Amino acid sequence: MFVQEGESSETPISSMPGQSRYGIQKLLSKAEEALLLGVPAVALFPAINEAAKDPRGTEALNENGLLQRTVRALKARLPELSVITDVALDPYSSDGHDGVLDKGQIDNELTVPLLASMAVSQAQAGADMVAPSDMMDGRVLAIRRGLDEAGYFNVGICSYCVKYASGFYGPFRDALGSAPKSGDKKTYQMDPANVREALREVRLDEAEGADWLMVKPGLPYLDVIRAVRDATPLPVAAYQVSGEYAMLKAAAQNGWLDYNQCLLESLLCLRRAGADIIFTYGAVEAARLLRS
């Protein structure tokens, strides 16, 4: 779910049909609806005001920041709902990258401690699971150590272990205003042609203490989901990303396919490939269809 300061958007985000940014109060009611339909968890992504952004994403550590306030509100109203929070600098960075830029290059070593501090701040607010989506090297170990040292032994880590430099993220970046201001993310996200690197990332994140392993995107990478499922005993998550969801919505709006049937079929494909957990913008719609 996308959360923003103030009231919810009056209209859907134009590049992602059917999705809106919500103010905290509206998000609470949407989350309650999801829980009543059987959706056990929500993943939060904050749309931060540009004025609050800087090169090191310091707003991410604000205990009264948008994300932290949202987590506290959700846990107060819906304590049984699992809350998953995103760990990456791009929503907070004036550069729009997942890590800190130094002379035009991502500084992995400077970024990782910031990510660990961000995860601790989210845990303090009440997050049940933190989800590093940045693809920096060594960040899972740093986050696990940071959480444990702060006493958050039971906060899990859903590592975006296998995250490709994909063209399917466009609507998401539009929604959060988190597209890179310069360059791209190909130096730290993975080459879409490479599956062997995915298995190396699996081994590393397992050893560093990840609880779940994420493959992102979903449908264009069903073979990768299967390879990861076969390589690890850990739960495997798949993310049906914004571009995938938007294509289904747009095609249905043009009368080219039956949205309900194709949504469920697309989620079934992810499950069949080996995903134990699915992140999708169509979760509430799918839950309603399954109940009916």
C-alpha atoms as a PDB file:
ATOM      1  CA  MET A   1       0.000   0.000   0.000  1.00  0.00           C
ATOM      2  CA  PHE A   2       1.169   3.536  -0.809  1.00  0.00           C
ATOM      3  CA  VAL A   3       0.864   6.030   2.043  1.00  0.00           C
ATOM      4  CA  GLN A   4       1.147   9.803   1.748  1.00  0.00           C
ATOM      5  CA  GLU A   5       0.853  12.819   4.019  1.00  0.00           C
ATOM      6  CA  GLY A   6      -2.608  14.385   4.312  1.00  0.00           C
ATOM      7  CA  GLU A   7      -5.705  13.103   2.573  1.00  0.00           C
ATOM      8  CA  SER A   8      -5.828  10.282   0.071  1.00  0.00           C
ATOM      9  CA  SER A   9      -5.561  10.895  -3.644  1.00  0.00           C
ATOM     10  CA  GLU A  10      -8.916  11.778  -5.169  1.00  0.00           C
ATOM     11  CA  THR A  11      -8.089   9.822  -8.323  1.00  0.00           C
ATOM     12  CA  PRO A  12      -6.048   6.681  -8.982  1.00  0.00           C
ATOM     13  CA  ILE A  13      -2.366   7.015  -9.819  1.00  0.00           C
ATOM     14  CA  SER A  14      -2.618   7.520 -13.563  1.00  0.00           C
ATOM     15  CA  SER A  15       0.054   5.039 -14.582  1.00  0.00           C
ATOM     16  CA  MET A  16      -1.282   2.283 -12.309  1.00  0.00           C
ATOM     17  CA  PRO A  17      -5.015   1.863 -12.891  1.00  0.00           C
ATOM     18  CA  GLY A  18      -6.967   1.029  -9.765  1.00  0.00           C
ATOM     19  CA  GLN A  19      -4.331   2.104  -7.247  1.00  0.00           C
ATOM     20  CA  SER A  20      -4.184   5.236  -5.095  1.00  0.00           C
ATOM     21  CA  ARG A  21      -1.955   6.808  -2.494  1.00  0.00           C
ATOM     22  CA  TYR A  22      -3.729   6.852   0.851  1.00  0.00           C
ATOM     23  CA  GLY A  23      -3.557   9.135   3.820  1.00  0.00           C
ATOM     24  CA  ILE A  24      -3.098   7.275   7.100  1.00  0.00           C
ATOM     25  CA  GLN A  25      -6.783   7.227   8.077  1.00  0.00           C
ATOM     26  CA  LYS A  26      -7.921   5.949   4.692  1.00  0.00           C
ATOM     27  CA  LEU A  27      -5.127   3.387   4.670  1.00  0.00           C
ATOM     28  CA  LEU A  28      -6.343   2.058   8.029  1.00  0.00           C
ATOM     29  CA  SER A  29      -9.799   1.369   6.625  1.00  0.00           C
ATOM     30  CA  LYS A  30      -8.331  -0.265   3.509  1.00  0.00           C
ATOM     31  CA  ALA A  31      -6.080  -2.451   5.631  1.00  0.00           C
ATOM     32  CA  GLU A  32      -9.021  -3.489   7.789  1.00  0.00           C
ATOM     33  CA  GLU A  33     -10.968  -4.442   4.678  1.00  0.00           C
ATOM     34  CA  ALA A  34      -8.023  -6.546   3.489  1.00  0.00           C
ATOM     35  CA  LEU A  35      -7.698  -8.316   6.838  1.00  0.00           C
ATOM     36  CA  LEU A  36     -11.409  -9.148   6.962  1.00  0.00           C
ATOM     37  CA  LEU A  37     -11.084 -10.743   3.523  1.00  0.00           C
ATOM     38  CA  GLY A  38      -8.240 -12.943   4.738  1.00  0.00           C
ATOM     39  CA  VAL A  39      -5.199 -10.960   3.569  1.00  0.00           C
ATOM     40  CA  PRO A  40      -2.770 -11.493   6.480  1.00  0.00           C
ATOM     41  CA  ALA A  41      -0.207  -8.768   5.796  1.00  0.00           C
ATOM     42  CA  VAL A  42       0.359  -5.404   4.159  1.00  0.00           C
ATOM     43  CA  ALA A  43       3.571  -3.998   2.713  1.00  0.00           C
ATOM     44  CA  LEU A  44       3.975  -0.235   3.095  1.00  0.00           C
ATOM     45  CA  PHE A  45       5.666   2.225   0.732  1.00  0.00           C
ATOM     46  CA  PRO A  46       5.802   5.913   1.708  1.00  0.00           C
ATOM     47  CA  ALA A  47       5.439   8.810  -0.723  1.00  0.00           C
ATOM     48  CA  ILE A  48       7.725  11.364   0.913  1.00  0.00           C
ATOM     49  CA  ASN A  49       7.454  15.103   0.242  1.00  0.00           C
ATOM     50  CA  GLU A  50      10.347  16.337  -1.881  1.00  0.00           C
ATOM     51  CA  ALA A  51      11.257  18.947   0.728  1.00  0.00           C
ATOM     52  CA  ALA A  52      12.048  16.160   3.226  1.00  0.00           C
ATOM     53  CA  LYS A  53      14.492  14.357   0.926  1.00  0.00           C
ATOM     54  CA  ASP A  54      18.281  14.656   1.014  1.00  0.00           C
ATOM     55  CA  PRO A  55      21.260  12.691  -0.391  1.00  0.00           C
ATOM     56  CA  ARG A  56      21.428  10.379   2.654  1.00  0.00           C
ATOM     57  CA  GLY A  57      17.709   9.871   3.151  1.00  0.00           C
ATOM     58  CA  THR A  58      17.817  11.049   6.748  1.00  0.00           C
ATOM     59  CA  GLU A  59      14.007  11.351   6.903  1.00  0.00           C
ATOM     60  CA  ALA A  60      13.954   7.534   6.977  1.00  0.00           C
ATOM     61  CA  LEU A  61      15.202   7.699  10.594  1.00  0.00           C
ATOM     62  CA  ASN A  62      12.621  10.226  11.795  1.00  0.00           C
ATOM     63  CA  GLU A  63      10.680   8.487  14.586  1.00  0.00           C
ATOM     64  CA  ASN A  64       7.714  10.708  13.728  1.00  0.00           C
ATOM     65  CA  GLY A  65       8.111  10.202   9.996  1.00  0.00           C
ATOM     66  CA  LEU A  66       5.271   9.176   7.709  1.00  0.00           C
ATOM     67  CA  LEU A  67       6.140   5.484   7.659  1.00  0.00           C
ATOM     68  CA  GLN A  68       6.693   5.210  11.410  1.00  0.00           C
ATOM     69  CA  ARG A  69       3.396   6.939  12.186  1.00  0.00           C
ATOM     70  CA  THR A  70       1.594   4.662   9.756  1.00  0.00           C
ATOM     71  CA  VAL A  71       3.049   1.521  11.303  1.00  0.00           C
ATOM     72  CA  ARG A  72       2.078   2.623  14.813  1.00  0.00           C
ATOM     73  CA  ALA A  73      -1.446   3.440  13.671  1.00  0.00           C
ATOM     74  CA  LEU A  74      -1.855   0.067  11.948  1.00  0.00           C
ATOM     75  CA  LYS A  75      -0.579  -1.933  14.918  1.00  0.00           C
ATOM     76  CA  ALA A  76      -2.797   0.027  17.323  1.00  0.00           C
ATOM     77  CA  ARG A  77      -5.951  -0.583  15.276  1.00  0.00           C
ATOM     78  CA  LEU A  78      -5.178  -4.001  13.756  1.00  0.00           C
ATOM     79  CA  PRO A  79      -2.639  -5.748  16.001  1.00  0.00           C
ATOM     80  CA  GLU A  80      -3.227  -9.107  14.308  1.00  0.00           C
ATOM     81  CA  LEU A  81      -2.275  -7.708  10.872  1.00  0.00           C
ATOM     82  CA  SER A  82       1.352  -8.305   9.892  1.00  0.00           C
ATOM     83  CA  VAL A  83       3.071  -5.113   8.768  1.00  0.00           C
ATOM     84  CA  ILE A  84       5.992  -5.317   6.332  1.00  0.00           C
ATOM     85  CA  THR A  85       8.142  -2.224   5.782  1.00  0.00           C
ATOM     86  CA  ASP A  86      10.463  -1.392   2.914  1.00  0.00           C
ATOM     87  CA  VAL A  87      14.154  -0.786   3.663  1.00  0.00           C
ATOM     88  CA  ALA A  88      15.813   1.268   0.921  1.00  0.00           C
ATOM     89  CA  LEU A  89      16.846   4.882   0.516  1.00  0.00           C
ATOM     90  CA  ASP A  90      15.114   5.665  -2.766  1.00  0.00           C
ATOM     91  CA  PRO A  91      11.811   7.004  -1.328  1.00  0.00           C
ATOM     92  CA  TYR A  92      13.812   9.351   0.924  1.00  0.00           C
ATOM     93  CA  SER A  93      16.770  10.196  -1.310  1.00  0.00           C
ATOM     94  CA  SER A  94      16.975  13.399  -3.314  1.00  0.00           C
ATOM     95  CA  ASP A  95      18.994  11.347  -5.834  1.00  0.00           C
ATOM     96  CA  GLY A  96      16.323   8.647  -6.188  1.00  0.00           C
ATOM     97  CA  HIS A  97      18.764   5.781  -5.674  1.00  0.00           C
ATOM     98  CA  ASP A  98      18.593   2.891  -3.207  1.00  0.00           C
ATOM     99  CA  GLY A  99      22.030   3.769  -1.868  1.00  0.00           C
ATOM    100  CA  VAL A 100      24.144   6.853  -1.169  1.00  0.00           C
ATOM    101  CA  LEU A 101      25.827   8.392  -4.197  1.00  0.00           C
ATOM    102  CA  ASP A 102      29.492   9.384  -3.937  1.00  0.00           C
ATOM    103  CA  LYS A 103      30.969  11.056  -7.013  1.00  0.00           C
ATOM    104  CA  GLY A 104      28.287   9.517  -9.183  1.00  0.00           C
ATOM    105  CA  GLN A 105      28.689   5.972  -7.839  1.00  0.00           C
ATOM    106  CA  ILE A 106      26.786   4.025  -5.198  1.00  0.00           C
ATOM    107  CA  ASP A 107      28.810   3.712  -1.983  1.00  0.00           C
ATOM    108  CA  ASN A 108      27.828   0.302  -0.610  1.00  0.00           C
ATOM    109  CA  GLU A 109      29.805   0.617   2.624  1.00  0.00           C
ATOM    110  CA  LEU A 110      28.338   4.020   3.447  1.00  0.00           C
ATOM    111  CA  THR A 111      24.810   2.830   2.669  1.00  0.00           C
ATOM    112  CA  VAL A 112      24.623  -0.403   4.669  1.00  0.00           C
ATOM    113  CA  PRO A 113      24.782   1.172   8.170  1.00  0.00           C
ATOM    114  CA  LEU A 114      22.029   3.594   7.156  1.00  0.00           C
ATOM    115  CA  LEU A 115      19.848   0.688   6.073  1.00  0.00           C
ATOM    116  CA  ALA A 116      20.439  -1.092   9.378  1.00  0.00           C
ATOM    117  CA  SER A 117      19.429   2.040  11.291  1.00  0.00           C
ATOM    118  CA  MET A 118      16.342   2.399   9.103  1.00  0.00           C
ATOM    119  CA  ALA A 119      15.303  -1.179   9.872  1.00  0.00           C
ATOM    120  CA  VAL A 120      15.694  -0.589  13.613  1.00  0.00           C
ATOM    121  CA  SER A 121      13.577   2.584  13.382  1.00  0.00           C
ATOM    122  CA  GLN A 122      10.837   0.644  11.603  1.00  0.00           C
ATOM    123  CA  ALA A 123      10.997  -2.141  14.195  1.00  0.00           C
ATOM    124  CA  GLN A 124      10.704   0.420  16.991  1.00  0.00           C
ATOM    125  CA  ALA A 125       7.511   1.679  15.342  1.00  0.00           C
ATOM    126  CA  GLY A 126       6.094  -1.857  15.404  1.00  0.00           C
ATOM    127  CA  ALA A 127       6.969  -3.456  12.056  1.00  0.00           C
ATOM    128  CA  ASP A 128       6.699  -7.250  12.107  1.00  0.00           C
ATOM    129  CA  MET A 129       9.046  -7.735   9.168  1.00  0.00           C
ATOM    130  CA  VAL A 130      11.501  -5.451   7.413  1.00  0.00           C
ATOM    131  CA  ALA A 131      12.107  -5.924   3.710  1.00  0.00           C
ATOM    132  CA  PRO A 132      15.428  -4.631   2.343  1.00  0.00           C
ATOM    133  CA  SER A 133      14.837  -3.975  -1.357  1.00  0.00           C
ATOM    134  CA  ASP A 134      18.056  -2.060  -2.017  1.00  0.00           C
ATOM    135  CA  MET A 135      20.353  -4.886  -3.212  1.00  0.00           C
ATOM    136  CA  MET A 136      23.410  -3.586  -1.368  1.00  0.00           C
ATOM    137  CA  ASP A 137      25.992  -6.254  -0.491  1.00  0.00           C
ATOM    138  CA  GLY A 138      25.995  -7.377   3.143  1.00  0.00           C
ATOM    139  CA  ARG A 139      22.906  -5.508   4.206  1.00  0.00           C
ATOM    140  CA  VAL A 140      20.993  -8.537   5.501  1.00  0.00           C
ATOM    141  CA  LEU A 141      23.746  -9.344   8.006  1.00  0.00           C
ATOM    142  CA  ALA A 142      24.005  -5.696   9.103  1.00  0.00           C
ATOM    143  CA  ILE A 143      20.231  -5.436   9.538  1.00  0.00           C
ATOM    144  CA  ARG A 144      20.043  -8.704  11.502  1.00  0.00           C
ATOM    145  CA  ARG A 145      22.813  -7.541  13.821  1.00  0.00           C
ATOM    146  CA  GLY A 146      21.217  -4.128  14.225  1.00  0.00           C
ATOM    147  CA  LEU A 147      17.815  -5.592  15.072  1.00  0.00           C
ATOM    148  CA  ASP A 148      19.269  -8.105  17.511  1.00  0.00           C
ATOM    149  CA  GLU A 149      21.426  -5.519  19.266  1.00  0.00           C
ATOM    150  CA  ALA A 150      18.327  -3.338  19.708  1.00  0.00           C
ATOM    151  CA  GLY A 151      16.366  -6.281  21.121  1.00  0.00           C
ATOM    152  CA  TYR A 152      14.143  -6.939  18.106  1.00  0.00           C
ATOM    153  CA  PHE A 153      14.945 -10.631  17.830  1.00  0.00           C
ATOM    154  CA  ASN A 154      11.476 -11.499  16.561  1.00  0.00           C
ATOM    155  CA  VAL A 155      11.361  -8.982  13.718  1.00  0.00           C
ATOM    156  CA  GLY A 156      11.890 -10.913  10.507  1.00  0.00           C
ATOM    157  CA  ILE A 157      13.783 -10.028   7.341  1.00  0.00           C
ATOM    158  CA  CYS A 158      12.229 -10.493   3.924  1.00  0.00           C
ATOM    159  CA  SER A 159      15.235 -10.000   1.681  1.00  0.00           C
ATOM    160  CA  TYR A 160      14.694  -8.821  -1.867  1.00  0.00           C
ATOM    161  CA  CYS A 161      17.340 -11.386  -2.638  1.00  0.00           C
ATOM    162  CA  VAL A 162      16.830 -11.624  -6.391  1.00  0.00           C
ATOM    163  CA  LYS A 163      15.782  -8.233  -7.712  1.00  0.00           C
ATOM    164  CA  TYR A 164      16.307  -7.593 -11.398  1.00  0.00           C
ATOM    165  CA  ALA A 165      16.965  -4.282 -13.135  1.00  0.00           C
ATOM    166  CA  SER A 166      13.550  -4.449 -14.768  1.00  0.00           C
ATOM    167  CA  GLY A 167      11.459  -2.181 -16.932  1.00  0.00           C
ATOM    168  CA  PHE A 168       8.325  -3.333 -15.076  1.00  0.00           C
ATOM    169  CA  TYR A 169       8.830  -0.991 -12.091  1.00  0.00           C
ATOM    170  CA  GLY A 170       7.737   2.197 -13.859  1.00  0.00           C
ATOM    171  CA  PRO A 171       4.276   2.726 -12.301  1.00  0.00           C
ATOM    172  CA  PHE A 172       5.662   2.131  -8.792  1.00  0.00           C
ATOM    173  CA  ARG A 173       8.378   4.732  -9.263  1.00  0.00           C
ATOM    174  CA  ASP A 174       5.815   7.195 -10.592  1.00  0.00           C
ATOM    175  CA  ALA A 175       3.647   6.596  -7.534  1.00  0.00           C
ATOM    176  CA  LEU A 176       6.451   7.292  -5.060  1.00  0.00           C
ATOM    177  CA  GLY A 177       8.441   9.804  -7.101  1.00  0.00           C
ATOM    178  CA  SER A 178      11.457   7.553  -6.537  1.00  0.00           C
ATOM    179  CA  ALA A 179      12.932   7.241 -10.025  1.00  0.00           C
ATOM    180  CA  PRO A 180      16.682   7.952 -10.198  1.00  0.00           C
ATOM    181  CA  LYS A 181      17.463  11.585 -10.953  1.00  0.00           C
ATOM    182  CA  SER A 182      20.502  10.439 -12.930  1.00  0.00           C
ATOM    183  CA  GLY A 183      21.812   7.125 -14.221  1.00  0.00           C
ATOM    184  CA  ASP A 184      20.014   3.861 -13.500  1.00  0.00           C
ATOM    185  CA  LYS A 185      20.055   0.979 -11.022  1.00  0.00           C
ATOM    186  CA  LYS A 186      21.854  -1.586 -13.155  1.00  0.00           C
ATOM    187  CA  THR A 187      25.034  -1.495 -11.056  1.00  0.00           C
ATOM    188  CA  TYR A 188      23.258  -2.914  -7.999  1.00  0.00           C
ATOM    189  CA  GLN A 189      20.163  -4.631  -9.363  1.00  0.00           C
ATOM    190  CA  MET A 190      20.609  -7.832 -11.364  1.00  0.00           C
ATOM    191  CA  ASP A 191      21.028  -8.471 -15.090  1.00  0.00           C
ATOM    192  CA  PRO A 192      17.749  -9.975 -16.415  1.00  0.00           C
ATOM    193  CA  ALA A 193      19.798 -12.470 -18.457  1.00  0.00           C
ATOM    194  CA  ASN A 194      21.563 -13.936 -15.414  1.00  0.00           C
ATOM    195  CA  VAL A 195      20.033 -16.708 -13.282  1.00  0.00           C
ATOM    196  CA  ARG A 196      23.282 -18.085 -11.844  1.00  0.00           C
ATOM    197  CA  GLU A 197      23.825 -14.853  -9.908  1.00  0.00           C
ATOM    198  CA  ALA A 198      20.406 -15.379  -8.333  1.00  0.00           C
ATOM    199  CA  LEU A 199      21.563 -18.644  -6.779  1.00  0.00           C
ATOM    200  CA  ARG A 200      24.692 -16.986  -5.432  1.00  0.00           C
ATOM    201  CA  GLU A 201      22.544 -14.275  -3.830  1.00  0.00           C
ATOM    202  CA  VAL A 202      20.370 -16.988  -2.278  1.00  0.00           C
ATOM    203  CA  ARG A 203      23.369 -18.599  -0.597  1.00  0.00           C
ATOM    204  CA  LEU A 204      24.659 -15.250   0.686  1.00  0.00           C
ATOM    205  CA  ASP A 205      21.335 -14.064   2.119  1.00  0.00           C
ATOM    206  CA  GLU A 206      20.647 -17.430   3.729  1.00  0.00           C
ATOM    207  CA  ALA A 207      24.003 -17.236   5.486  1.00  0.00           C
ATOM    208  CA  GLU A 208      23.405 -13.632   6.581  1.00  0.00           C
ATOM    209  CA  GLY A 209      20.135 -14.435   8.339  1.00  0.00           C
ATOM    210  CA  ALA A 210      17.252 -13.744   5.946  1.00  0.00           C
ATOM    211  CA  ASP A 211      13.896 -15.281   6.886  1.00  0.00           C
ATOM    212  CA  TRP A 212      12.204 -14.989   3.487  1.00  0.00           C
ATOM    213  CA  LEU A 213      13.768 -14.635   0.031  1.00  0.00           C
ATOM    214  CA  MET A 214      12.074 -12.451  -2.587  1.00  0.00           C
ATOM    215  CA  VAL A 215      12.186 -12.747  -6.380  1.00  0.00           C
ATOM    216  CA  LYS A 216      11.169  -9.569  -8.200  1.00  0.00           C
ATOM    217  CA  PRO A 217       9.510  -9.170 -10.730  1.00  0.00           C
ATOM    218  CA  GLY A 218       7.203 -12.178 -10.790  1.00  0.00           C
ATOM    219  CA  LEU A 219       5.673 -13.444 -14.035  1.00  0.00           C
ATOM    220  CA  PRO A 220       8.638 -12.614 -16.328  1.00  0.00           C
ATOM    221  CA  TYR A 221      10.869 -14.598 -13.946  1.00  0.00           C
ATOM    222  CA  LEU A 222       8.932 -17.798 -13.256  1.00  0.00           C
ATOM    223  CA  ASP A 223      12.022 -19.861 -14.121  1.00  0.00           C
ATOM    224  CA  VAL A 224      14.016 -17.936 -11.524  1.00  0.00           C
ATOM    225  CA  ILE A 225      11.340 -18.492  -8.874  1.00  0.00           C
ATOM    226  CA  ARG A 226      11.549 -22.226  -9.555  1.00  0.00           C
ATOM    227  CA  ALA A 227      15.355 -22.198  -9.416  1.00  0.00           C
ATOM    228  CA  VAL A 228      15.306 -20.336  -6.098  1.00  0.00           C
ATOM    229  CA  ARG A 229      12.598 -22.646  -4.698  1.00  0.00           C
ATOM    230  CA  ASP A 230      14.765 -25.666  -5.560  1.00  0.00           C
ATOM    231  CA  ALA A 231      17.878 -24.086  -4.019  1.00  0.00           C
ATOM    232  CA  THR A 232      16.634 -23.051  -0.559  1.00  0.00           C
ATOM    233  CA  PRO A 233      14.580 -24.373   2.360  1.00  0.00           C
ATOM    234  CA  LEU A 234      13.497 -20.814   3.216  1.00  0.00           C
ATOM    235  CA  PRO A 235      10.092 -19.422   2.241  1.00  0.00           C
ATOM    236  CA  VAL A 236      10.200 -17.887  -1.234  1.00  0.00           C
ATOM    237  CA  ALA A 237       8.217 -14.736  -2.011  1.00  0.00           C
ATOM    238  CA  ALA A 238       7.377 -13.422  -5.463  1.00  0.00           C
ATOM    239  CA  TYR A 239       6.389  -9.835  -6.224  1.00  0.00           C
ATOM    240  CA  GLN A 240       3.801  -9.232  -8.932  1.00  0.00           C
ATOM    241  CA  VAL A 241       5.117  -5.747  -9.605  1.00  0.00           C
ATOM    242  CA  SER A 242       3.358  -2.573 -10.648  1.00  0.00           C
ATOM    243  CA  GLY A 243       3.965  -3.026 -14.365  1.00  0.00           C
ATOM    244  CA  GLU A 244       2.523  -6.534 -14.324  1.00  0.00           C
ATOM    245  CA  TYR A 245      -0.555  -5.387 -12.432  1.00  0.00           C
ATOM    246  CA  ALA A 246      -1.003  -2.307 -14.617  1.00  0.00           C
ATOM    247  CA  MET A 247      -0.882  -4.408 -17.791  1.00  0.00           C
ATOM    248  CA  LEU A 248      -3.728  -6.588 -16.547  1.00  0.00           C
ATOM    249  CA  LYS A 249      -5.796  -3.545 -15.600  1.00  0.00           C
ATOM    250  CA  ALA A 250      -5.125  -1.687 -18.839  1.00  0.00           C
ATOM    251  CA  ALA A 251      -5.859  -4.715 -21.030  1.00  0.00           C
ATOM    252  CA  ALA A 252      -9.115  -5.337 -19.165  1.00  0.00           C
ATOM    253  CA  GLN A 253     -10.153  -1.692 -19.491  1.00  0.00           C
ATOM    254  CA  ASN A 254      -9.666  -2.043 -23.250  1.00  0.00           C
ATOM    255  CA  GLY A 255     -11.806  -5.175 -23.327  1.00  0.00           C
ATOM    256  CA  TRP A 256      -8.918  -7.448 -24.321  1.00  0.00           C
ATOM    257  CA  LEU A 257      -9.176  -9.897 -21.416  1.00  0.00           C
ATOM    258  CA  ASP A 258     -11.237 -10.872 -18.397  1.00  0.00           C
ATOM    259  CA  TYR A 259      -9.487  -9.171 -15.491  1.00  0.00           C
ATOM    260  CA  ASN A 260     -10.774 -11.439 -12.709  1.00  0.00           C
ATOM    261  CA  GLN A 261      -9.862 -14.643 -14.509  1.00  0.00           C
ATOM    262  CA  CYS A 262      -6.435 -13.392 -15.570  1.00  0.00           C
ATOM    263  CA  LEU A 263      -5.589 -11.982 -12.129  1.00  0.00           C
ATOM    264  CA  LEU A 264      -6.217 -15.339 -10.473  1.00  0.00           C
ATOM    265  CA  GLU A 265      -4.424 -17.204 -13.261  1.00  0.00           C
ATOM    266  CA  SER A 266      -1.369 -14.952 -12.957  1.00  0.00           C
ATOM    267  CA  LEU A 267      -1.205 -15.518  -9.192  1.00  0.00           C
ATOM    268  CA  LEU A 268      -1.627 -19.261  -9.682  1.00  0.00           C
ATOM    269  CA  CYS A 269       1.343 -19.207 -12.079  1.00  0.00           C
ATOM    270  CA  LEU A 270       3.518 -17.643  -9.376  1.00  0.00           C
ATOM    271  CA  ARG A 271       2.359 -20.228  -6.850  1.00  0.00           C
ATOM    272  CA  ARG A 272       2.937 -23.105  -9.264  1.00  0.00           C
ATOM    273  CA  ALA A 273       6.473 -21.876  -9.978  1.00  0.00           C
ATOM    274  CA  GLY A 274       7.255 -22.221  -6.265  1.00  0.00           C
ATOM    275  CA  ALA A 275       6.270 -18.996  -4.508  1.00  0.00           C
ATOM    276  CA  ASP A 276       5.081 -19.528  -0.925  1.00  0.00           C
ATOM    277  CA  ILE A 277       4.188 -15.829  -0.505  1.00  0.00           C
ATOM    278  CA  ILE A 278       2.925 -13.397  -3.147  1.00  0.00           C
ATOM    279  CA  PHE A 279       3.093  -9.611  -2.987  1.00  0.00           C
ATOM    280  CA  THR A 280       0.493  -8.139  -5.354  1.00  0.00           C
ATOM    281  CA  TYR A 281      -1.498  -4.932  -5.782  1.00  0.00           C
ATOM    282  CA  GLY A 282      -4.469  -7.167  -6.548  1.00  0.00           C
ATOM    283  CA  ALA A 283      -4.515  -8.896  -3.141  1.00  0.00           C
ATOM    284  CA  VAL A 284      -7.885  -7.537  -2.019  1.00  0.00           C
ATOM    285  CA  GLU A 285      -9.469  -8.205  -5.392  1.00  0.00           C
ATOM    286  CA  ALA A 286      -8.091 -11.750  -5.457  1.00  0.00           C
ATOM    287  CA  ALA A 287      -9.212 -12.408  -1.883  1.00  0.00           C
ATOM    288  CA  ARG A 288     -12.719 -11.232  -2.710  1.00  0.00           C
ATOM    289  CA  LEU A 289     -12.833 -13.447  -5.813  1.00  0.00           C
ATOM    290  CA  LEU A 290     -11.613 -16.492  -3.898  1.00  0.00           C
ATOM    291  CA  ARG A 291     -14.242 -15.937  -1.206  1.00  0.00           C
ATOM    292  CA  SER A 292     -17.014 -15.739  -3.799  1.00  0.00           C
END
